[in-house]
Each structure stands twice: as C-alpha cells, then as structure tokens.
N, C-alpha and C. Protein backbone atom coordinates (compact mmCIF):
# COMPACT_ATOMS: atom_id res chain seq x y z
N MET A 1 -12.57 16.90 10.76
CA MET A 1 -13.00 15.69 10.04
C MET A 1 -12.20 15.51 8.74
N ILE A 2 -11.97 16.59 8.00
CA ILE A 2 -11.22 16.52 6.75
C ILE A 2 -9.76 16.12 7.00
N THR A 3 -9.20 16.69 8.06
CA THR A 3 -7.79 16.37 8.39
C THR A 3 -7.63 14.92 8.76
N PHE A 4 -8.69 14.31 9.38
CA PHE A 4 -8.64 12.87 9.71
C PHE A 4 -8.55 12.02 8.46
N PHE A 5 -9.32 12.36 7.46
CA PHE A 5 -9.32 11.62 6.17
C PHE A 5 -8.01 11.80 5.45
N LYS A 6 -7.49 13.03 5.52
CA LYS A 6 -6.17 13.29 4.87
C LYS A 6 -5.08 12.47 5.52
N ARG A 7 -5.16 12.39 6.83
CA ARG A 7 -4.16 11.63 7.60
C ARG A 7 -4.29 10.14 7.25
N LEU A 8 -5.51 9.68 7.11
CA LEU A 8 -5.81 8.29 6.76
C LEU A 8 -5.22 7.93 5.39
N LEU A 9 -5.40 8.85 4.43
CA LEU A 9 -4.92 8.63 3.07
C LEU A 9 -3.41 8.63 3.04
N LEU A 10 -2.77 9.44 3.89
CA LEU A 10 -1.32 9.49 3.93
C LEU A 10 -0.78 8.25 4.63
N MET A 11 -1.54 7.71 5.57
CA MET A 11 -1.13 6.52 6.31
C MET A 11 -1.29 5.27 5.45
N CYS A 12 -2.31 5.26 4.61
CA CYS A 12 -2.59 4.10 3.77
C CYS A 12 -1.41 3.49 3.05
N PRO A 13 -0.67 4.29 2.25
CA PRO A 13 0.47 3.68 1.54
C PRO A 13 1.52 3.08 2.50
N ILE A 14 1.74 3.78 3.60
CA ILE A 14 2.74 3.34 4.59
C ILE A 14 2.31 1.95 5.13
N VAL A 15 1.07 1.81 5.50
CA VAL A 15 0.53 0.56 6.02
C VAL A 15 0.64 -0.55 4.99
N PHE A 16 0.27 -0.26 3.75
CA PHE A 16 0.34 -1.23 2.67
C PHE A 16 1.77 -1.69 2.39
N PHE A 17 2.69 -0.72 2.35
CA PHE A 17 4.10 -1.08 2.09
C PHE A 17 4.69 -1.90 3.23
N LEU A 18 4.26 -1.57 4.44
CA LEU A 18 4.71 -2.32 5.63
C LEU A 18 4.20 -3.77 5.55
N HIS A 19 2.89 -3.92 5.19
CA HIS A 19 2.28 -5.21 5.04
C HIS A 19 2.97 -6.01 3.93
N LEU A 20 3.28 -5.31 2.83
CA LEU A 20 3.93 -5.96 1.70
C LEU A 20 5.32 -6.45 2.08
N PHE A 21 6.07 -5.61 2.80
CA PHE A 21 7.41 -5.93 3.28
C PHE A 21 7.42 -7.17 4.14
N ILE A 22 6.49 -7.25 5.07
CA ILE A 22 6.35 -8.39 5.96
C ILE A 22 5.96 -9.64 5.16
N TRP A 23 5.00 -9.46 4.23
CA TRP A 23 4.50 -10.60 3.41
C TRP A 23 5.65 -11.18 2.56
N VAL A 24 6.41 -10.31 1.95
CA VAL A 24 7.52 -10.73 1.08
C VAL A 24 8.58 -11.44 1.91
N LYS A 25 8.84 -10.98 3.11
CA LYS A 25 9.82 -11.66 3.97
C LYS A 25 9.41 -13.05 4.32
N HIS A 26 8.07 -13.29 4.42
CA HIS A 26 7.58 -14.62 4.78
C HIS A 26 7.40 -15.50 3.55
N HIS A 27 7.06 -14.88 2.43
CA HIS A 27 6.83 -15.67 1.22
C HIS A 27 7.71 -15.18 0.08
N ARG A 28 8.88 -15.77 -0.05
CA ARG A 28 9.77 -15.40 -1.12
C ARG A 28 9.42 -16.15 -2.38
N HIS A 29 8.63 -15.49 -3.25
CA HIS A 29 8.12 -16.15 -4.44
C HIS A 29 7.96 -15.08 -5.56
N PRO A 30 8.33 -15.44 -6.80
CA PRO A 30 8.19 -14.45 -7.91
C PRO A 30 6.73 -14.00 -8.16
N ALA A 31 5.76 -14.84 -7.80
CA ALA A 31 4.37 -14.53 -8.02
C ALA A 31 3.88 -13.35 -7.12
N VAL A 32 4.67 -13.06 -6.09
CA VAL A 32 4.33 -11.97 -5.14
C VAL A 32 4.17 -10.65 -5.92
N GLN A 33 5.06 -10.39 -6.85
CA GLN A 33 5.04 -9.14 -7.63
C GLN A 33 3.70 -8.99 -8.37
N PHE A 34 3.25 -10.09 -8.98
CA PHE A 34 2.01 -10.05 -9.75
C PHE A 34 0.78 -9.91 -8.83
N LYS A 35 0.86 -10.53 -7.65
CA LYS A 35 -0.25 -10.49 -6.71
C LYS A 35 -0.44 -9.08 -6.13
N TYR A 36 0.71 -8.38 -5.99
CA TYR A 36 0.62 -7.05 -5.36
C TYR A 36 0.59 -5.89 -6.33
N LEU A 37 0.50 -6.15 -7.61
CA LEU A 37 0.39 -5.07 -8.59
C LEU A 37 -0.80 -4.16 -8.35
N PRO A 38 -2.00 -4.70 -8.06
CA PRO A 38 -3.17 -3.82 -7.79
C PRO A 38 -2.96 -2.95 -6.57
N LEU A 39 -2.20 -3.48 -5.63
CA LEU A 39 -1.91 -2.79 -4.37
C LEU A 39 -1.13 -1.52 -4.64
N PHE A 40 -0.10 -1.66 -5.51
CA PHE A 40 0.73 -0.50 -5.85
C PHE A 40 -0.08 0.53 -6.65
N GLU A 41 -1.02 0.06 -7.46
CA GLU A 41 -1.87 0.93 -8.23
C GLU A 41 -2.77 1.75 -7.27
N PHE A 42 -3.26 1.06 -6.20
CA PHE A 42 -4.09 1.73 -5.19
C PHE A 42 -3.30 2.80 -4.44
N CYS A 43 -2.06 2.48 -4.14
CA CYS A 43 -1.16 3.40 -3.42
C CYS A 43 -0.94 4.66 -4.24
N ARG A 44 -0.77 4.47 -5.56
CA ARG A 44 -0.58 5.60 -6.48
C ARG A 44 -1.83 6.45 -6.56
N PHE A 45 -2.97 5.78 -6.57
CA PHE A 45 -4.25 6.46 -6.60
C PHE A 45 -4.51 7.27 -5.32
N ALA A 46 -4.14 6.63 -4.20
CA ALA A 46 -4.30 7.28 -2.89
C ALA A 46 -3.42 8.53 -2.80
N ARG A 47 -2.28 8.50 -3.39
CA ARG A 47 -1.37 9.63 -3.36
C ARG A 47 -1.93 10.79 -4.25
N LEU A 48 -2.59 10.40 -5.32
CA LEU A 48 -3.18 11.41 -6.22
C LEU A 48 -4.34 12.14 -5.55
N CYS A 49 -5.04 11.44 -4.70
CA CYS A 49 -6.20 11.98 -4.00
C CYS A 49 -5.84 13.04 -2.95
N THR A 50 -4.68 12.89 -2.32
CA THR A 50 -4.28 13.79 -1.25
C THR A 50 -3.80 15.15 -1.77
C-alpha cells in the first residue's frame, strides 16, 4: 500500500508536466506561466513528500 502511494507521488509531477506541455502547445500565451505557477509549487511539494 505504501509503495503504491510513493509511486503515485512520483508519477504526479510527470503527469502534470505532460499536461502542461500539451496545454502550452495548444495555448501559446504569456498568461500561461502565471496560471501554472501553483502547479509548479505543488510539484515541488510532491517531491519533498517522497
């Protein structure tokens, strides 16, 4: 059970960056950086937890 959660936490940043990459490719706008700032903060937090 613990290994599953660890794997999930490790997968989280990958999934988010993949989603971000796709989103940026579709919406080329400077506001994207500001919209996704909390996302990067979450990714950093997720990495600290593992």
